[in-house]
Full PDB file with SEQRES, HELIX, SHEET, SSBOND, CRYST1, ORIGX, SCALE, CONECT and MASTER records, all heavy atoms in Angstrom:
SEQRES   1 A   31  LYS ASP LYS GLU ILE GLU PRO ALA ARG GLU LYS ASN LYS          
SEQRES   2 A   31  GLN LEU ALA LYS GLN VAL ILE LYS TYR LEU SER SER GLN          
SEQRES   3 A   31  GLY ILE ALA ARG GLU                                          
HELIX    1 AA1 ILE A    5  SER A   25  1                                  21    
CRYST1    1.000    1.000    1.000  90.00  90.00  90.00 P 1           1          
ORIGX1      1.000000  0.000000  0.000000        0.00000                         
ORIGX2      0.000000  1.000000  0.000000        0.00000                         
ORIGX3      0.000000  0.000000  1.000000        0.00000                         
SCALE1      1.000000  0.000000  0.000000        0.00000                         
SCALE2      0.000000  1.000000  0.000000        0.00000                         
SCALE3      0.000000  0.000000  1.000000        0.00000                         
ATOM      1  N   LYS A   1      45.169 -41.928 154.787  1.00  0.00           N  
ATOM      2  CA  LYS A   1      44.626 -43.015 153.970  1.00  0.00           C  
ATOM      3  C   LYS A   1      43.460 -43.636 154.714  1.00  0.00           C  
ATOM      4  O   LYS A   1      43.501 -43.792 155.928  1.00  0.00           O  
ATOM      5  CB  LYS A   1      45.692 -44.089 153.735  1.00  0.00           C  
ATOM      6  CG  LYS A   1      46.917 -43.600 152.991  1.00  0.00           C  
ATOM      7  CD  LYS A   1      47.963 -44.682 152.895  1.00  0.00           C  
ATOM      8  CE  LYS A   1      49.226 -44.172 152.233  1.00  0.00           C  
ATOM      9  NZ  LYS A   1      50.252 -45.203 152.137  1.00  0.00           N  
ATOM     10  N   ASP A   2      42.409 -43.986 153.947  1.00  0.00           N  
ATOM     11  CA  ASP A   2      41.239 -44.626 154.550  1.00  0.00           C  
ATOM     12  C   ASP A   2      40.522 -45.432 153.476  1.00  0.00           C  
ATOM     13  O   ASP A   2      40.724 -45.196 152.284  1.00  0.00           O  
ATOM     14  CB  ASP A   2      40.300 -43.559 155.136  1.00  0.00           C  
ATOM     15  CG  ASP A   2      39.389 -44.132 156.214  1.00  0.00           C  
ATOM     16  OD1 ASP A   2      38.530 -44.974 155.873  1.00  0.00           O  
ATOM     17  OD2 ASP A   2      39.554 -43.746 157.384  1.00  0.00           O  
ATOM     18  N   LYS A   3      39.682 -46.337 153.913  1.00  0.00           N  
ATOM     19  CA  LYS A   3      38.920 -47.157 152.964  1.00  0.00           C  
ATOM     20  C   LYS A   3      37.814 -46.363 152.275  1.00  0.00           C  
ATOM     21  O   LYS A   3      37.278 -46.792 151.266  1.00  0.00           O  
ATOM     22  CB  LYS A   3      38.348 -48.379 153.672  1.00  0.00           C  
ATOM     23  CG  LYS A   3      39.434 -49.318 154.172  1.00  0.00           C  
ATOM     24  CD  LYS A   3      38.914 -50.728 154.276  1.00  0.00           C  
ATOM     25  CE  LYS A   3      39.976 -51.674 154.753  1.00  0.00           C  
ATOM     26  NZ  LYS A   3      40.932 -52.038 153.736  1.00  0.00           N  
ATOM     27  N   GLU A   4      37.483 -45.185 152.842  1.00  0.00           N  
ATOM     28  CA  GLU A   4      36.475 -44.315 152.246  1.00  0.00           C  
ATOM     29  C   GLU A   4      37.019 -42.893 152.166  1.00  0.00           C  
ATOM     30  O   GLU A   4      37.828 -42.476 152.994  1.00  0.00           O  
ATOM     31  CB  GLU A   4      35.192 -44.349 153.066  1.00  0.00           C  
ATOM     32  CG  GLU A   4      34.530 -45.727 153.062  1.00  0.00           C  
ATOM     33  CD  GLU A   4      33.214 -45.737 153.807  1.00  0.00           C  
ATOM     34  OE1 GLU A   4      32.541 -44.684 153.836  1.00  0.00           O  
ATOM     35  OE2 GLU A   4      32.869 -46.793 154.346  1.00  0.00           O  
ATOM     36  N   ILE A   5      36.536 -42.137 151.174  1.00  0.00           N  
ATOM     37  CA  ILE A   5      37.075 -40.797 150.937  1.00  0.00           C  
ATOM     38  C   ILE A   5      36.653 -39.792 152.010  1.00  0.00           C  
ATOM     39  O   ILE A   5      37.452 -38.955 152.435  1.00  0.00           O  
ATOM     40  CB  ILE A   5      36.724 -40.273 149.518  1.00  0.00           C  
ATOM     41  CG1 ILE A   5      37.494 -38.969 149.208  1.00  0.00           C  
ATOM     42  CG2 ILE A   5      35.231 -40.057 149.358  1.00  0.00           C  
ATOM     43  CD1 ILE A   5      38.967 -39.111 149.126  1.00  0.00           C  
ATOM     44  N   GLU A   6      35.412 -39.857 152.484  1.00  0.00           N  
ATOM     45  CA  GLU A   6      34.926 -38.864 153.443  1.00  0.00           C  
ATOM     46  C   GLU A   6      35.735 -38.864 154.743  1.00  0.00           C  
ATOM     47  O   GLU A   6      36.166 -37.797 155.204  1.00  0.00           O  
ATOM     48  CB  GLU A   6      33.427 -39.045 153.748  1.00  0.00           C  
ATOM     49  CG  GLU A   6      32.512 -38.727 152.585  1.00  0.00           C  
ATOM     50  CD  GLU A   6      32.342 -39.906 151.619  1.00  0.00           C  
ATOM     51  OE1 GLU A   6      32.782 -41.035 151.942  1.00  0.00           O  
ATOM     52  OE2 GLU A   6      31.793 -39.680 150.542  1.00  0.00           O  
ATOM     53  N   PRO A   7      35.978 -40.039 155.360  1.00  0.00           N  
ATOM     54  CA  PRO A   7      36.801 -40.023 156.583  1.00  0.00           C  
ATOM     55  C   PRO A   7      38.245 -39.570 156.312  1.00  0.00           C  
ATOM     56  O   PRO A   7      38.837 -38.878 157.142  1.00  0.00           O  
ATOM     57  CB  PRO A   7      36.789 -41.472 157.074  1.00  0.00           C  
ATOM     58  CG  PRO A   7      35.635 -42.119 156.397  1.00  0.00           C  
ATOM     59  CD  PRO A   7      35.411 -41.372 155.114  1.00  0.00           C  
ATOM     60  N   ALA A   8      38.798 -39.936 155.157  1.00  0.00           N  
ATOM     61  CA  ALA A   8      40.158 -39.509 154.826  1.00  0.00           C  
ATOM     62  C   ALA A   8      40.215 -37.990 154.719  1.00  0.00           C  
ATOM     63  O   ALA A   8      41.109 -37.341 155.278  1.00  0.00           O  
ATOM     64  CB  ALA A   8      40.622 -40.159 153.518  1.00  0.00           C  
ATOM     65  N   ARG A   9      39.251 -37.415 154.025  1.00  0.00           N  
ATOM     66  CA  ARG A   9      39.200 -35.949 153.853  1.00  0.00           C  
ATOM     67  C   ARG A   9      38.994 -35.257 155.195  1.00  0.00           C  
ATOM     68  O   ARG A   9      39.633 -34.255 155.496  1.00  0.00           O  
ATOM     69  CB  ARG A   9      38.083 -35.592 152.869  1.00  0.00           C  
ATOM     70  CG  ARG A   9      37.771 -34.112 152.777  1.00  0.00           C  
ATOM     71  CD  ARG A   9      38.881 -33.327 152.118  1.00  0.00           C  
ATOM     72  NE  ARG A   9      38.472 -31.943 151.984  1.00  0.00           N  
ATOM     73  CZ  ARG A   9      39.127 -30.921 152.496  1.00  0.00           C  
ATOM     74  NH1 ARG A   9      40.258 -31.089 153.144  1.00  0.00           N  
ATOM     75  NH2 ARG A   9      38.684 -29.696 152.345  1.00  0.00           N  
ATOM     76  N   GLU A  10      38.105 -35.791 156.027  1.00  0.00           N  
ATOM     77  CA  GLU A  10      37.816 -35.170 157.325  1.00  0.00           C  
ATOM     78  C   GLU A  10      39.042 -35.219 158.251  1.00  0.00           C  
ATOM     79  O   GLU A  10      39.376 -34.233 158.900  1.00  0.00           O  
ATOM     80  CB  GLU A  10      36.609 -35.838 157.994  1.00  0.00           C  
ATOM     81  CG  GLU A  10      36.150 -35.142 159.255  1.00  0.00           C  
ATOM     82  CD  GLU A  10      35.787 -33.669 159.065  1.00  0.00           C  
ATOM     83  OE1 GLU A  10      35.263 -33.289 158.003  1.00  0.00           O  
ATOM     84  OE2 GLU A  10      36.061 -32.886 160.006  1.00  0.00           O  
ATOM     85  N   LYS A  11      39.727 -36.363 158.303  1.00  0.00           N  
ATOM     86  CA  LYS A  11      40.936 -36.475 159.136  1.00  0.00           C  
ATOM     87  C   LYS A  11      42.018 -35.516 158.628  1.00  0.00           C  
ATOM     88  O   LYS A  11      42.721 -34.890 159.415  1.00  0.00           O  
ATOM     89  CB  LYS A  11      41.461 -37.914 159.131  1.00  0.00           C  
ATOM     90  CG  LYS A  11      40.589 -38.883 159.886  1.00  0.00           C  
ATOM     91  CD  LYS A  11      41.101 -40.319 159.715  1.00  0.00           C  
ATOM     92  CE  LYS A  11      40.087 -41.328 160.208  1.00  0.00           C  
ATOM     93  NZ  LYS A  11      40.452 -42.705 159.852  1.00  0.00           N  
ATOM     94  N   ASN A  12      42.130 -35.410 157.303  1.00  0.00           N  
ATOM     95  CA  ASN A  12      43.103 -34.498 156.706  1.00  0.00           C  
ATOM     96  C   ASN A  12      42.777 -33.059 157.099  1.00  0.00           C  
ATOM     97  O   ASN A  12      43.661 -32.286 157.479  1.00  0.00           O  
ATOM     98  CB  ASN A  12      43.093 -34.664 155.183  1.00  0.00           C  
ATOM     99  CG  ASN A  12      44.134 -33.809 154.503  1.00  0.00           C  
ATOM    100  OD1 ASN A  12      43.983 -32.601 154.403  1.00  0.00           O  
ATOM    101  ND2 ASN A  12      45.197 -34.453 154.037  1.00  0.00           N  
ATOM    102  N   LYS A  13      41.500 -32.719 156.999  1.00  0.00           N  
ATOM    103  CA  LYS A  13      41.060 -31.367 157.331  1.00  0.00           C  
ATOM    104  C   LYS A  13      41.359 -31.031 158.793  1.00  0.00           C  
ATOM    105  O   LYS A  13      41.860 -29.952 159.103  1.00  0.00           O  
ATOM    106  CB  LYS A  13      39.554 -31.264 157.048  1.00  0.00           C  
ATOM    107  CG  LYS A  13      39.069 -29.889 156.759  1.00  0.00           C  
ATOM    108  CD  LYS A  13      37.735 -29.859 156.035  1.00  0.00           C  
ATOM    109  CE  LYS A  13      36.576 -30.385 156.820  1.00  0.00           C  
ATOM    110  NZ  LYS A  13      35.286 -30.155 156.156  1.00  0.00           N  
ATOM    111  N   GLN A  14      41.083 -31.969 159.680  1.00  0.00           N  
ATOM    112  CA  GLN A  14      41.315 -31.739 161.104  1.00  0.00           C  
ATOM    113  C   GLN A  14      42.809 -31.584 161.415  1.00  0.00           C  
ATOM    114  O   GLN A  14      43.199 -30.710 162.191  1.00  0.00           O  
ATOM    115  CB  GLN A  14      40.700 -32.860 161.951  1.00  0.00           C  
ATOM    116  CG  GLN A  14      39.180 -32.893 161.915  1.00  0.00           C  
ATOM    117  CD  GLN A  14      38.549 -31.547 162.223  1.00  0.00           C  
ATOM    118  OE1 GLN A  14      38.926 -30.867 163.169  1.00  0.00           O  
ATOM    119  NE2 GLN A  14      37.582 -31.141 161.387  1.00  0.00           N  
ATOM    120  N   LEU A  15      43.641 -32.429 160.826  1.00  0.00           N  
ATOM    121  CA  LEU A  15      45.077 -32.331 161.060  1.00  0.00           C  
ATOM    122  C   LEU A  15      45.630 -31.027 160.467  1.00  0.00           C  
ATOM    123  O   LEU A  15      46.472 -30.366 161.082  1.00  0.00           O  
ATOM    124  CB  LEU A  15      45.823 -33.541 160.500  1.00  0.00           C  
ATOM    125  CG  LEU A  15      47.324 -33.600 160.779  1.00  0.00           C  
ATOM    126  CD1 LEU A  15      47.653 -33.417 162.257  1.00  0.00           C  
ATOM    127  CD2 LEU A  15      47.909 -34.913 160.265  1.00  0.00           C  
ATOM    128  N   ALA A  16      45.140 -30.630 159.308  1.00  0.00           N  
ATOM    129  CA  ALA A  16      45.574 -29.364 158.697  1.00  0.00           C  
ATOM    130  C   ALA A  16      45.218 -28.188 159.602  1.00  0.00           C  
ATOM    131  O   ALA A  16      46.043 -27.294 159.826  1.00  0.00           O  
ATOM    132  CB  ALA A  16      44.947 -29.188 157.316  1.00  0.00           C  
ATOM    133  N   LYS A  17      44.015 -28.196 160.153  1.00  0.00           N  
ATOM    134  CA  LYS A  17      43.611 -27.130 161.080  1.00  0.00           C  
ATOM    135  C   LYS A  17      44.522 -27.117 162.308  1.00  0.00           C  
ATOM    136  O   LYS A  17      44.923 -26.052 162.785  1.00  0.00           O  
ATOM    137  CB  LYS A  17      42.157 -27.324 161.519  1.00  0.00           C  
ATOM    138  CG  LYS A  17      41.138 -26.957 160.467  1.00  0.00           C  
ATOM    139  CD  LYS A  17      39.734 -27.190 161.000  1.00  0.00           C  
ATOM    140  CE  LYS A  17      38.685 -26.902 159.945  1.00  0.00           C  
ATOM    141  NZ  LYS A  17      37.322 -27.140 160.446  1.00  0.00           N  
ATOM    142  N   GLN A  18      44.843 -28.299 162.809  1.00  0.00           N  
ATOM    143  CA  GLN A  18      45.719 -28.423 163.983  1.00  0.00           C  
ATOM    144  C   GLN A  18      47.111 -27.866 163.662  1.00  0.00           C  
ATOM    145  O   GLN A  18      47.699 -27.140 164.470  1.00  0.00           O  
ATOM    146  CB  GLN A  18      45.796 -29.892 164.400  1.00  0.00           C  
ATOM    147  CG  GLN A  18      46.588 -30.166 165.638  1.00  0.00           C  
ATOM    148  CD  GLN A  18      46.669 -31.663 165.948  1.00  0.00           C  
ATOM    149  OE1 GLN A  18      46.022 -32.497 165.316  1.00  0.00           O  
ATOM    150  NE2 GLN A  18      47.497 -32.000 166.915  1.00  0.00           N  
ATOM    151  N   VAL A  19      47.651 -28.203 162.498  1.00  0.00           N  
ATOM    152  CA  VAL A  19      48.971 -27.724 162.083  1.00  0.00           C  
ATOM    153  C   VAL A  19      48.961 -26.201 161.949  1.00  0.00           C  
ATOM    154  O   VAL A  19      49.854 -25.505 162.453  1.00  0.00           O  
ATOM    155  CB  VAL A  19      49.415 -28.399 160.764  1.00  0.00           C  
ATOM    156  CG1 VAL A  19      50.598 -27.667 160.137  1.00  0.00           C  
ATOM    157  CG2 VAL A  19      49.747 -29.862 161.010  1.00  0.00           C  
ATOM    158  N   ILE A  20      47.960 -25.655 161.290  1.00  0.00           N  
ATOM    159  CA  ILE A  20      47.859 -24.206 161.087  1.00  0.00           C  
ATOM    160  C   ILE A  20      47.718 -23.488 162.430  1.00  0.00           C  
ATOM    161  O   ILE A  20      48.375 -22.466 162.671  1.00  0.00           O  
ATOM    162  CB  ILE A  20      46.701 -23.864 160.127  1.00  0.00           C  
ATOM    163  CG1 ILE A  20      47.041 -24.371 158.717  1.00  0.00           C  
ATOM    164  CG2 ILE A  20      46.400 -22.373 160.123  1.00  0.00           C  
ATOM    165  CD1 ILE A  20      45.877 -24.380 157.748  1.00  0.00           C  
ATOM    166  N   LYS A  21      46.894 -24.037 163.311  1.00  0.00           N  
ATOM    167  CA  LYS A  21      46.718 -23.442 164.642  1.00  0.00           C  
ATOM    168  C   LYS A  21      48.041 -23.466 165.410  1.00  0.00           C  
ATOM    169  O   LYS A  21      48.420 -22.480 166.041  1.00  0.00           O  
ATOM    170  CB  LYS A  21      45.644 -24.211 165.416  1.00  0.00           C  
ATOM    171  CG  LYS A  21      45.341 -23.627 166.770  1.00  0.00           C  
ATOM    172  CD  LYS A  21      44.222 -24.396 167.467  1.00  0.00           C  
ATOM    173  CE  LYS A  21      43.959 -23.818 168.848  1.00  0.00           C  
ATOM    174  NZ  LYS A  21      42.914 -24.557 169.540  1.00  0.00           N  
ATOM    175  N   TYR A  22      48.757 -24.587 165.339  1.00  0.00           N  
ATOM    176  CA  TYR A  22      50.048 -24.692 166.024  1.00  0.00           C  
ATOM    177  C   TYR A  22      51.041 -23.675 165.465  1.00  0.00           C  
ATOM    178  O   TYR A  22      51.704 -22.970 166.227  1.00  0.00           O  
ATOM    179  CB  TYR A  22      50.624 -26.110 165.903  1.00  0.00           C  
ATOM    180  CG  TYR A  22      52.060 -26.157 166.351  1.00  0.00           C  
ATOM    181  CD1 TYR A  22      52.386 -26.104 167.707  1.00  0.00           C  
ATOM    182  CD2 TYR A  22      53.095 -26.171 165.429  1.00  0.00           C  
ATOM    183  CE1 TYR A  22      53.710 -26.090 168.119  1.00  0.00           C  
ATOM    184  CE2 TYR A  22      54.422 -26.151 165.838  1.00  0.00           C  
ATOM    185  CZ  TYR A  22      54.724 -26.112 167.179  1.00  0.00           C  
ATOM    186  OH  TYR A  22      56.027 -26.081 167.592  1.00  0.00           O  
ATOM    187  N   LEU A  23      51.164 -23.598 164.142  1.00  0.00           N  
ATOM    188  CA  LEU A  23      52.107 -22.651 163.533  1.00  0.00           C  
ATOM    189  C   LEU A  23      51.780 -21.221 163.944  1.00  0.00           C  
ATOM    190  O   LEU A  23      52.674 -20.436 164.274  1.00  0.00           O  
ATOM    191  CB  LEU A  23      52.105 -22.797 162.012  1.00  0.00           C  
ATOM    192  CG  LEU A  23      52.659 -24.116 161.472  1.00  0.00           C  
ATOM    193  CD1 LEU A  23      52.379 -24.237 159.983  1.00  0.00           C  
ATOM    194  CD2 LEU A  23      54.141 -24.262 161.769  1.00  0.00           C  
ATOM    195  N   SER A  24      50.491 -20.883 163.957  1.00  0.00           N  
ATOM    196  CA  SER A  24      50.069 -19.547 164.389  1.00  0.00           C  
ATOM    197  C   SER A  24      50.442 -19.308 165.850  1.00  0.00           C  
ATOM    198  O   SER A  24      50.879 -18.207 166.211  1.00  0.00           O  
ATOM    199  CB  SER A  24      48.565 -19.377 164.201  1.00  0.00           C  
ATOM    200  OG  SER A  24      48.235 -19.413 162.832  1.00  0.00           O  
ATOM    201  N   SER A  25      50.303 -20.330 166.693  1.00  0.00           N  
ATOM    202  CA  SER A  25      50.631 -20.192 168.119  1.00  0.00           C  
ATOM    203  C   SER A  25      52.130 -19.963 168.339  1.00  0.00           C  
ATOM    204  O   SER A  25      52.538 -19.489 169.393  1.00  0.00           O  
ATOM    205  CB  SER A  25      50.170 -21.424 168.909  1.00  0.00           C  
ATOM    206  OG  SER A  25      51.068 -22.509 168.715  1.00  0.00           O  
ATOM    207  N   GLN A  26      52.940 -20.299 167.332  1.00  0.00           N  
ATOM    208  CA  GLN A  26      54.390 -20.095 167.422  1.00  0.00           C  
ATOM    209  C   GLN A  26      54.808 -18.721 166.892  1.00  0.00           C  
ATOM    210  O   GLN A  26      55.986 -18.465 166.699  1.00  0.00           O  
ATOM    211  CB  GLN A  26      55.128 -21.210 166.665  1.00  0.00           C  
ATOM    212  CG  GLN A  26      54.908 -22.586 167.247  1.00  0.00           C  
ATOM    213  CD  GLN A  26      55.244 -22.636 168.735  1.00  0.00           C  
ATOM    214  OE1 GLN A  26      56.372 -22.378 169.128  1.00  0.00           O  
ATOM    215  NE2 GLN A  26      54.259 -22.970 169.547  1.00  0.00           N  
ATOM    216  N   GLY A  27      53.809 -17.874 166.642  1.00  0.00           N  
ATOM    217  CA  GLY A  27      54.102 -16.516 166.197  1.00  0.00           C  
ATOM    218  C   GLY A  27      54.286 -16.375 164.702  1.00  0.00           C  
ATOM    219  O   GLY A  27      54.738 -15.333 164.227  1.00  0.00           O  
ATOM    220  N   ILE A  28      53.937 -17.404 163.961  1.00  0.00           N  
ATOM    221  CA  ILE A  28      54.060 -17.336 162.500  1.00  0.00           C  
ATOM    222  C   ILE A  28      52.794 -16.681 161.948  1.00  0.00           C  
ATOM    223  O   ILE A  28      51.684 -17.148 162.208  1.00  0.00           O  
ATOM    224  CB  ILE A  28      54.286 -18.738 161.897  1.00  0.00           C  
ATOM    225  CG1 ILE A  28      55.596 -19.320 162.447  1.00  0.00           C  
ATOM    226  CG2 ILE A  28      54.292 -18.671 160.377  1.00  0.00           C  
ATOM    227  CD1 ILE A  28      55.828 -20.762 162.113  1.00  0.00           C  
ATOM    228  N   ALA A  29      52.969 -15.589 161.218  1.00  0.00           N  
ATOM    229  CA  ALA A  29      51.841 -14.832 160.681  1.00  0.00           C  
ATOM    230  C   ALA A  29      51.056 -15.675 159.672  1.00  0.00           C  
ATOM    231  O   ALA A  29      51.636 -16.485 158.947  1.00  0.00           O  
ATOM    232  CB  ALA A  29      52.350 -13.552 160.022  1.00  0.00           C  
ATOM    233  N   ARG A  30      49.754 -15.466 159.621  1.00  0.00           N  
ATOM    234  CA  ARG A  30      48.885 -16.228 158.708  1.00  0.00           C  
ATOM    235  C   ARG A  30      49.320 -16.091 157.248  1.00  0.00           C  
ATOM    236  O   ARG A  30      49.182 -17.020 156.471  1.00  0.00           O  
ATOM    237  CB  ARG A  30      47.428 -15.783 158.851  1.00  0.00           C  
ATOM    238  CG  ARG A  30      46.768 -16.250 160.107  1.00  0.00           C  
ATOM    239  CD  ARG A  30      46.569 -17.723 160.097  1.00  0.00           C  
ATOM    240  NE  ARG A  30      45.290 -18.031 160.690  1.00  0.00           N  
ATOM    241  CZ  ARG A  30      44.737 -19.206 160.669  1.00  0.00           C  
ATOM    242  NH1 ARG A  30      45.347 -20.204 160.078  1.00  0.00           N  
ATOM    243  NH2 ARG A  30      43.583 -19.420 161.216  1.00  0.00           N  
ATOM    244  N   GLU A  31      49.873 -14.921 156.878  1.00  0.00           N  
ATOM    245  CA  GLU A  31      50.312 -14.747 155.485  1.00  0.00           C  
ATOM    246  C   GLU A  31      51.559 -15.558 155.171  1.00  0.00           C  
ATOM    247  O   GLU A  31      51.934 -15.683 154.018  1.00  0.00           O  
ATOM    248  CB  GLU A  31      50.524 -13.272 155.127  1.00  0.00           C  
ATOM    249  CG  GLU A  31      51.577 -12.564 155.929  1.00  0.00           C  
ATOM    250  CD  GLU A  31      51.031 -11.813 157.146  1.00  0.00           C  
ATOM    251  OE1 GLU A  31      49.902 -12.094 157.587  1.00  0.00           O  
ATOM    252  OE2 GLU A  31      51.755 -10.944 157.653  1.00  0.00           O  
TER     253      GLU A  31                                                      
MASTER        0    0    0    1    0    0    0    6  252    1    0    3          
END                                                                             
């Protein structure tokens, strides 16, 4: 949540990338 859409979207994007990278590092296949 943010007072503006751009920072909210950017923070969401960064956290999503972090989550995906972490899951991949645990041996979970991209598919």
